[in-house]
Amino acid sequence: MIKLDTTTEEDIIEYLTKMNQHFIPNLDERVNIKAYSKKIFEHAYRIEYFHENILSGLLAFYINDSCNFSFITTISVSPISQKQGVAQKLLDKLFFLCSTYTSIHQIKLEVSSRNLNAIKFYKKNNFVNIDCKNQIQLMSKSII
């Protein structure tokens, strides 16, 4: 089941800590998980997937009205819910939400150049590379 903005800060910490090793590279190599979870809870919109009432997928994004884009800060799906189209459902929900927000014309994200499966997934969803620095690709998709 997909829900919007229902998780607590503690839920996000617990989920990202469990998912840490599934990020490429590990999430804690790039951020402090507690501080990052706090930032997501306080400032990001969250699209959440629950499997048997357990958070099993998360897409968090920010909206930058002044620059007319949305930025995906994280998208992940727990191993128990992978290969079931959950990531696609999360992304489709974001596409729908952004299409109803008239000032948003673009969705951006960053992804490790080493995360080939994620890059393939984003390209399948019409994201294109617009920059690459320090093994991090900046990708973008137009939604107008």
N, C-alpha and C. Protein backbone atom coordinates (compact mmCIF):
# COMPACT_ATOMS: atom_id res chain seq x y z
N MET A 1 0.84 -1.17 0.00
CA MET A 1 0.00 0.00 0.00
C MET A 1 0.89 1.25 0.00
N ILE A 2 0.54 2.21 -0.82
CA ILE A 2 1.29 3.46 -0.89
C ILE A 2 0.58 4.52 -0.06
N LYS A 3 1.38 5.23 0.72
CA LYS A 3 0.86 6.32 1.55
C LYS A 3 1.77 7.53 1.37
N LEU A 4 1.26 8.68 1.80
CA LEU A 4 2.04 9.93 1.71
C LEU A 4 2.29 10.48 3.10
N ASP A 5 3.56 10.75 3.40
CA ASP A 5 3.97 11.48 4.60
C ASP A 5 3.38 10.94 5.90
N THR A 6 3.41 9.63 6.10
CA THR A 6 2.86 9.07 7.33
C THR A 6 3.94 8.63 8.32
N THR A 7 5.16 8.47 7.85
CA THR A 7 6.23 7.94 8.71
C THR A 7 6.73 9.00 9.68
N THR A 8 7.21 8.51 10.83
CA THR A 8 7.86 9.38 11.81
C THR A 8 9.35 9.47 11.50
N GLU A 9 10.01 10.39 12.15
CA GLU A 9 11.47 10.49 12.00
C GLU A 9 12.13 9.16 12.41
N GLU A 10 11.65 8.55 13.48
CA GLU A 10 12.20 7.28 13.96
C GLU A 10 11.98 6.17 12.93
N ASP A 11 10.81 6.16 12.28
CA ASP A 11 10.55 5.17 11.22
C ASP A 11 11.58 5.30 10.10
N ILE A 12 11.87 6.53 9.73
CA ILE A 12 12.81 6.78 8.63
C ILE A 12 14.21 6.34 9.03
N ILE A 13 14.62 6.67 10.26
CA ILE A 13 15.94 6.24 10.76
C ILE A 13 16.05 4.72 10.72
N GLU A 14 15.02 4.05 11.25
CA GLU A 14 15.04 2.58 11.30
C GLU A 14 15.11 1.99 9.89
N TYR A 15 14.30 2.52 8.98
CA TYR A 15 14.27 2.01 7.60
C TYR A 15 15.61 2.23 6.91
N LEU A 16 16.14 3.46 6.96
CA LEU A 16 17.39 3.74 6.27
C LEU A 16 18.56 2.99 6.88
N THR A 17 18.53 2.77 8.18
CA THR A 17 19.59 1.98 8.82
C THR A 17 19.54 0.53 8.31
N LYS A 18 18.34 -0.03 8.22
CA LYS A 18 18.20 -1.40 7.69
C LYS A 18 18.61 -1.47 6.21
N MET A 19 18.33 -0.41 5.48
CA MET A 19 18.63 -0.39 4.05
C MET A 19 20.06 0.02 3.72
N ASN A 20 20.80 0.49 4.70
CA ASN A 20 22.13 1.06 4.50
C ASN A 20 23.00 0.25 3.54
N GLN A 21 23.11 -1.03 3.76
CA GLN A 21 24.00 -1.87 2.96
C GLN A 21 23.49 -2.11 1.54
N HIS A 22 22.25 -1.75 1.27
CA HIS A 22 21.68 -1.96 -0.06
C HIS A 22 21.88 -0.74 -0.97
N PHE A 23 22.37 0.35 -0.42
CA PHE A 23 22.71 1.52 -1.23
C PHE A 23 24.10 1.31 -1.83
N ILE A 24 24.33 1.88 -3.01
CA ILE A 24 25.63 1.82 -3.66
C ILE A 24 26.14 3.23 -3.86
N PRO A 25 27.21 3.65 -3.14
CA PRO A 25 27.82 2.97 -1.99
C PRO A 25 26.88 3.01 -0.78
N ASN A 26 27.29 2.34 0.32
CA ASN A 26 26.47 2.34 1.54
C ASN A 26 26.08 3.76 1.90
N LEU A 27 24.86 3.92 2.36
CA LEU A 27 24.35 5.25 2.68
C LEU A 27 25.20 5.95 3.73
N ASP A 28 25.64 5.22 4.75
CA ASP A 28 26.41 5.86 5.82
C ASP A 28 27.81 6.28 5.41
N GLU A 29 28.23 5.93 4.20
CA GLU A 29 29.49 6.44 3.66
C GLU A 29 29.33 7.85 3.12
N ARG A 30 28.08 8.26 2.90
CA ARG A 30 27.80 9.57 2.31
C ARG A 30 27.13 10.53 3.27
N VAL A 31 26.33 10.00 4.20
CA VAL A 31 25.58 10.87 5.11
C VAL A 31 25.53 10.26 6.50
N ASN A 32 25.23 11.09 7.47
CA ASN A 32 24.89 10.62 8.81
C ASN A 32 23.41 10.25 8.74
N ILE A 33 23.09 8.98 8.95
CA ILE A 33 21.72 8.52 8.73
C ILE A 33 20.72 9.22 9.64
N LYS A 34 21.06 9.46 10.89
CA LYS A 34 20.13 10.15 11.79
C LYS A 34 19.86 11.57 11.32
N ALA A 35 20.91 12.31 10.98
CA ALA A 35 20.75 13.69 10.52
C ALA A 35 19.99 13.73 9.18
N TYR A 36 20.30 12.80 8.29
CA TYR A 36 19.63 12.73 7.00
C TYR A 36 18.14 12.41 7.17
N SER A 37 17.84 11.48 8.08
CA SER A 37 16.46 11.13 8.35
C SER A 37 15.69 12.32 8.91
N LYS A 38 16.33 13.07 9.78
CA LYS A 38 15.71 14.27 10.36
C LYS A 38 15.40 15.28 9.25
N LYS A 39 16.35 15.47 8.35
CA LYS A 39 16.15 16.41 7.23
C LYS A 39 14.99 15.94 6.34
N ILE A 40 14.95 14.65 6.04
CA ILE A 40 13.85 14.11 5.23
C ILE A 40 12.52 14.32 5.94
N PHE A 41 12.47 13.99 7.22
CA PHE A 41 11.22 14.12 7.97
C PHE A 41 10.74 15.56 8.01
N GLU A 42 11.66 16.50 8.23
CA GLU A 42 11.28 17.90 8.40
C GLU A 42 11.06 18.65 7.09
N HIS A 43 11.72 18.24 6.01
CA HIS A 43 11.71 19.08 4.81
C HIS A 43 11.25 18.39 3.53
N ALA A 44 11.24 17.08 3.49
CA ALA A 44 10.91 16.38 2.24
C ALA A 44 9.47 15.88 2.27
N TYR A 45 8.92 15.73 1.09
CA TYR A 45 7.67 14.99 0.91
C TYR A 45 8.07 13.53 0.78
N ARG A 46 7.23 12.64 1.30
CA ARG A 46 7.57 11.24 1.29
C ARG A 46 6.45 10.41 0.68
N ILE A 47 6.85 9.55 -0.25
CA ILE A 47 5.95 8.55 -0.80
C ILE A 47 6.44 7.23 -0.23
N GLU A 48 5.55 6.56 0.52
CA GLU A 48 5.97 5.40 1.30
C GLU A 48 5.21 4.16 0.84
N TYR A 49 5.91 3.05 0.77
CA TYR A 49 5.28 1.78 0.44
C TYR A 49 5.34 0.88 1.67
N PHE A 50 4.20 0.33 2.03
CA PHE A 50 4.13 -0.56 3.18
C PHE A 50 3.76 -1.97 2.73
N HIS A 51 4.51 -2.95 3.22
CA HIS A 51 4.23 -4.36 2.99
C HIS A 51 3.90 -4.94 4.36
N GLU A 52 2.67 -5.42 4.51
CA GLU A 52 2.20 -5.95 5.79
C GLU A 52 2.47 -4.96 6.93
N ASN A 53 2.12 -3.71 6.69
CA ASN A 53 2.24 -2.60 7.66
C ASN A 53 3.67 -2.27 8.07
N ILE A 54 4.65 -2.71 7.28
CA ILE A 54 6.05 -2.40 7.54
C ILE A 54 6.55 -1.54 6.37
N LEU A 55 7.23 -0.44 6.70
CA LEU A 55 7.79 0.41 5.66
C LEU A 55 8.78 -0.40 4.84
N SER A 56 8.50 -0.54 3.55
CA SER A 56 9.32 -1.38 2.68
C SER A 56 9.78 -0.65 1.43
N GLY A 57 9.41 0.61 1.29
CA GLY A 57 9.86 1.41 0.15
C GLY A 57 9.68 2.87 0.48
N LEU A 58 10.63 3.67 0.04
CA LEU A 58 10.57 5.10 0.35
C LEU A 58 11.13 5.92 -0.81
N LEU A 59 10.37 6.91 -1.22
CA LEU A 59 10.84 7.93 -2.15
C LEU A 59 10.62 9.26 -1.45
N ALA A 60 11.71 9.99 -1.22
CA ALA A 60 11.62 11.31 -0.59
C ALA A 60 12.09 12.34 -1.59
N PHE A 61 11.37 13.46 -1.64
CA PHE A 61 11.71 14.49 -2.62
C PHE A 61 11.43 15.88 -2.06
N TYR A 62 12.13 16.83 -2.63
CA TYR A 62 11.94 18.24 -2.28
C TYR A 62 11.36 18.94 -3.50
N ILE A 63 10.66 20.02 -3.25
CA ILE A 63 10.15 20.86 -4.33
C ILE A 63 10.81 22.22 -4.23
N ASN A 64 11.43 22.62 -5.33
CA ASN A 64 12.08 23.93 -5.41
C ASN A 64 11.22 24.80 -6.34
N ASP A 65 10.30 25.54 -5.73
CA ASP A 65 9.38 26.39 -6.52
C ASP A 65 10.12 27.44 -7.34
N SER A 66 11.14 28.02 -6.76
CA SER A 66 11.82 29.13 -7.44
C SER A 66 12.55 28.67 -8.69
N CYS A 67 12.93 27.40 -8.74
CA CYS A 67 13.64 26.87 -9.92
C CYS A 67 12.79 25.90 -10.73
N ASN A 68 11.54 25.72 -10.35
CA ASN A 68 10.59 24.89 -11.09
C ASN A 68 10.98 23.43 -11.22
N PHE A 69 11.59 22.86 -10.18
CA PHE A 69 11.89 21.44 -10.25
C PHE A 69 11.69 20.76 -8.90
N SER A 70 11.57 19.44 -9.00
CA SER A 70 11.52 18.56 -7.83
C SER A 70 12.83 17.78 -7.82
N PHE A 71 13.34 17.49 -6.61
CA PHE A 71 14.59 16.75 -6.49
C PHE A 71 14.36 15.52 -5.64
N ILE A 72 14.63 14.35 -6.21
CA ILE A 72 14.52 13.10 -5.46
C ILE A 72 15.79 12.95 -4.63
N THR A 73 15.64 12.95 -3.31
CA THR A 73 16.80 12.78 -2.45
C THR A 73 17.08 11.31 -2.16
N THR A 74 16.06 10.48 -2.17
CA THR A 74 16.28 9.04 -1.99
C THR A 74 15.10 8.25 -2.55
N ILE A 75 15.43 7.10 -3.09
CA ILE A 75 14.42 6.12 -3.47
C ILE A 75 15.04 4.75 -3.21
N SER A 76 14.30 3.93 -2.47
CA SER A 76 14.80 2.59 -2.17
C SER A 76 13.63 1.67 -1.86
N VAL A 77 13.88 0.38 -2.06
CA VAL A 77 12.88 -0.64 -1.79
C VAL A 77 13.59 -1.78 -1.05
N SER A 78 13.00 -2.22 0.06
CA SER A 78 13.62 -3.30 0.84
C SER A 78 13.63 -4.59 0.04
N PRO A 79 14.59 -5.46 0.33
CA PRO A 79 14.71 -6.71 -0.44
C PRO A 79 13.42 -7.52 -0.49
N ILE A 80 12.64 -7.54 0.57
CA ILE A 80 11.41 -8.33 0.59
C ILE A 80 10.38 -7.83 -0.43
N SER A 81 10.48 -6.57 -0.83
CA SER A 81 9.51 -5.99 -1.76
C SER A 81 10.10 -5.74 -3.15
N GLN A 82 11.34 -6.13 -3.36
CA GLN A 82 11.96 -5.91 -4.68
C GLN A 82 11.41 -6.88 -5.71
N LYS A 83 11.59 -6.51 -6.96
CA LYS A 83 11.13 -7.32 -8.11
C LYS A 83 9.61 -7.45 -8.16
N GLN A 84 8.91 -6.46 -7.57
CA GLN A 84 7.45 -6.46 -7.58
C GLN A 84 6.90 -5.16 -8.16
N GLY A 85 7.77 -4.35 -8.75
CA GLY A 85 7.31 -3.10 -9.35
C GLY A 85 7.11 -1.97 -8.36
N VAL A 86 7.61 -2.12 -7.14
CA VAL A 86 7.39 -1.10 -6.11
C VAL A 86 8.09 0.21 -6.46
N ALA A 87 9.34 0.13 -6.89
CA ALA A 87 10.07 1.36 -7.24
C ALA A 87 9.33 2.11 -8.35
N GLN A 88 8.80 1.37 -9.31
CA GLN A 88 8.04 2.00 -10.39
C GLN A 88 6.78 2.67 -9.86
N LYS A 89 6.10 2.01 -8.93
CA LYS A 89 4.89 2.59 -8.34
C LYS A 89 5.22 3.88 -7.58
N LEU A 90 6.33 3.87 -6.85
CA LEU A 90 6.74 5.08 -6.13
C LEU A 90 7.03 6.22 -7.11
N LEU A 91 7.77 5.89 -8.15
CA LEU A 91 8.12 6.92 -9.15
C LEU A 91 6.89 7.40 -9.90
N ASP A 92 6.00 6.50 -10.25
CA ASP A 92 4.76 6.90 -10.94
C ASP A 92 3.93 7.84 -10.06
N LYS A 93 3.89 7.57 -8.76
CA LYS A 93 3.16 8.45 -7.84
C LYS A 93 3.80 9.83 -7.83
N LEU A 94 5.13 9.88 -7.84
CA LEU A 94 5.82 11.18 -7.91
C LEU A 94 5.48 11.89 -9.21
N PHE A 95 5.51 11.18 -10.33
CA PHE A 95 5.17 11.80 -11.62
C PHE A 95 3.76 12.40 -11.56
N PHE A 96 2.83 11.66 -10.99
CA PHE A 96 1.46 12.15 -10.88
C PHE A 96 1.41 13.41 -9.99
N LEU A 97 2.04 13.35 -8.84
CA LEU A 97 2.02 14.50 -7.93
C LEU A 97 2.63 15.74 -8.58
N CYS A 98 3.75 15.54 -9.26
CA CYS A 98 4.41 16.68 -9.91
C CYS A 98 3.58 17.23 -11.07
N SER A 99 2.85 16.35 -11.75
CA SER A 99 2.03 16.82 -12.87
C SER A 99 0.87 17.70 -12.40
N THR A 100 0.47 17.55 -11.14
CA THR A 100 -0.61 18.37 -10.60
C THR A 100 -0.08 19.67 -9.99
N TYR A 101 1.20 19.78 -9.86
CA TYR A 101 1.86 20.95 -9.28
C TYR A 101 2.35 21.81 -10.43
N THR A 102 1.60 22.84 -10.79
CA THR A 102 1.81 23.54 -12.06
C THR A 102 3.18 24.20 -12.23
N SER A 103 3.88 24.49 -11.14
CA SER A 103 5.17 25.16 -11.29
C SER A 103 6.33 24.19 -11.49
N ILE A 104 6.10 22.90 -11.37
CA ILE A 104 7.17 21.92 -11.51
C ILE A 104 7.26 21.46 -12.97
N HIS A 105 8.44 21.66 -13.56
CA HIS A 105 8.65 21.29 -14.97
C HIS A 105 9.70 20.20 -15.14
N GLN A 106 10.37 19.86 -14.04
CA GLN A 106 11.48 18.94 -14.16
C GLN A 106 11.67 18.19 -12.84
N ILE A 107 12.14 16.95 -12.94
CA ILE A 107 12.51 16.17 -11.77
C ILE A 107 13.98 15.83 -11.91
N LYS A 108 14.74 16.06 -10.85
CA LYS A 108 16.18 15.77 -10.87
C LYS A 108 16.52 14.79 -9.76
N LEU A 109 17.65 14.13 -9.93
CA LEU A 109 18.17 13.22 -8.91
C LEU A 109 19.66 13.03 -9.14
N GLU A 110 20.33 12.53 -8.10
CA GLU A 110 21.73 12.15 -8.21
C GLU A 110 21.83 10.66 -7.94
N VAL A 111 22.74 10.00 -8.66
CA VAL A 111 22.93 8.57 -8.50
C VAL A 111 24.40 8.24 -8.72
N SER A 112 24.91 7.30 -7.93
CA SER A 112 26.29 6.87 -8.08
C SER A 112 26.49 6.23 -9.45
N SER A 113 27.57 6.56 -10.10
CA SER A 113 27.90 5.95 -11.40
C SER A 113 28.08 4.45 -11.27
N ARG A 114 28.32 3.96 -10.06
CA ARG A 114 28.50 2.52 -9.81
C ARG A 114 27.16 1.79 -9.70
N ASN A 115 26.07 2.53 -9.53
CA ASN A 115 24.76 1.90 -9.33
C ASN A 115 24.08 1.70 -10.69
N LEU A 116 24.56 0.71 -11.41
CA LEU A 116 24.11 0.49 -12.78
C LEU A 116 22.63 0.12 -12.88
N ASN A 117 22.12 -0.64 -11.92
CA ASN A 117 20.70 -0.99 -11.96
C ASN A 117 19.82 0.24 -11.80
N ALA A 118 20.21 1.14 -10.91
CA ALA A 118 19.42 2.36 -10.72
C ALA A 118 19.47 3.23 -11.97
N ILE A 119 20.64 3.36 -12.56
CA ILE A 119 20.78 4.18 -13.77
C ILE A 119 19.90 3.61 -14.89
N LYS A 120 19.91 2.30 -15.03
CA LYS A 120 19.06 1.65 -16.05
C LYS A 120 17.58 1.94 -15.78
N PHE A 121 17.18 1.85 -14.52
CA PHE A 121 15.80 2.12 -14.13
C PHE A 121 15.41 3.56 -14.46
N TYR A 122 16.29 4.52 -14.12
CA TYR A 122 15.98 5.92 -14.39
C TYR A 122 15.93 6.20 -15.89
N LYS A 123 16.84 5.62 -16.63
CA LYS A 123 16.82 5.82 -18.09
C LYS A 123 15.55 5.23 -18.70
N LYS A 124 15.10 4.09 -18.18
CA LYS A 124 13.85 3.49 -18.65
C LYS A 124 12.68 4.45 -18.42
N ASN A 125 12.80 5.30 -17.40
CA ASN A 125 11.76 6.28 -17.07
C ASN A 125 12.07 7.66 -17.64
N ASN A 126 12.90 7.69 -18.68
CA ASN A 126 13.19 8.90 -19.46
C ASN A 126 13.99 9.97 -18.73
N PHE A 127 14.76 9.56 -17.73
CA PHE A 127 15.73 10.48 -17.14
C PHE A 127 16.97 10.47 -18.03
N VAL A 128 17.60 11.62 -18.16
CA VAL A 128 18.82 11.73 -18.95
C VAL A 128 19.94 12.31 -18.09
N ASN A 129 21.17 11.93 -18.41
CA ASN A 129 22.32 12.47 -17.69
C ASN A 129 22.52 13.92 -18.10
N ILE A 130 22.70 14.79 -17.11
CA ILE A 130 22.99 16.19 -17.44
C ILE A 130 24.33 16.64 -16.89
N ASP A 131 24.93 15.84 -15.98
CA ASP A 131 26.25 16.18 -15.44
C ASP A 131 26.79 14.98 -14.69
N CYS A 132 28.10 14.94 -14.51
CA CYS A 132 28.73 13.88 -13.72
C CYS A 132 29.96 14.46 -13.05
N LYS A 133 29.99 14.37 -11.72
CA LYS A 133 31.13 14.84 -10.94
C LYS A 133 31.41 13.84 -9.84
N ASN A 134 32.67 13.49 -9.68
CA ASN A 134 33.09 12.60 -8.60
C ASN A 134 32.25 11.32 -8.53
N GLN A 135 32.04 10.69 -9.67
CA GLN A 135 31.29 9.44 -9.76
C GLN A 135 29.80 9.57 -9.39
N ILE A 136 29.29 10.80 -9.35
CA ILE A 136 27.87 11.04 -9.09
C ILE A 136 27.25 11.64 -10.35
N GLN A 137 26.25 10.95 -10.88
CA GLN A 137 25.56 11.44 -12.07
C GLN A 137 24.34 12.25 -11.65
N LEU A 138 24.20 13.42 -12.24
CA LEU A 138 22.98 14.22 -12.08
C LEU A 138 22.10 13.89 -13.28
N MET A 139 20.88 13.45 -12.99
CA MET A 139 19.95 13.08 -14.04
C MET A 139 18.69 13.94 -13.92
N SER A 140 18.00 14.08 -15.04
CA SER A 140 16.82 14.95 -15.08
C SER A 140 15.78 14.38 -16.03
N LYS A 141 14.53 14.69 -15.71
CA LYS A 141 13.40 14.30 -16.56
C LYS A 141 12.46 15.49 -16.67
N SER A 142 12.11 15.84 -17.87
CA SER A 142 11.13 16.90 -18.10
C SER A 142 9.73 16.34 -17.90
N ILE A 143 8.87 17.14 -17.24
CA ILE A 143 7.49 16.66 -17.04
C ILE A 143 6.46 17.63 -17.64
N ILE A 144 6.90 18.47 -18.55
CA ILE A 144 5.94 19.34 -19.21
C ILE A 144 5.71 18.90 -20.64
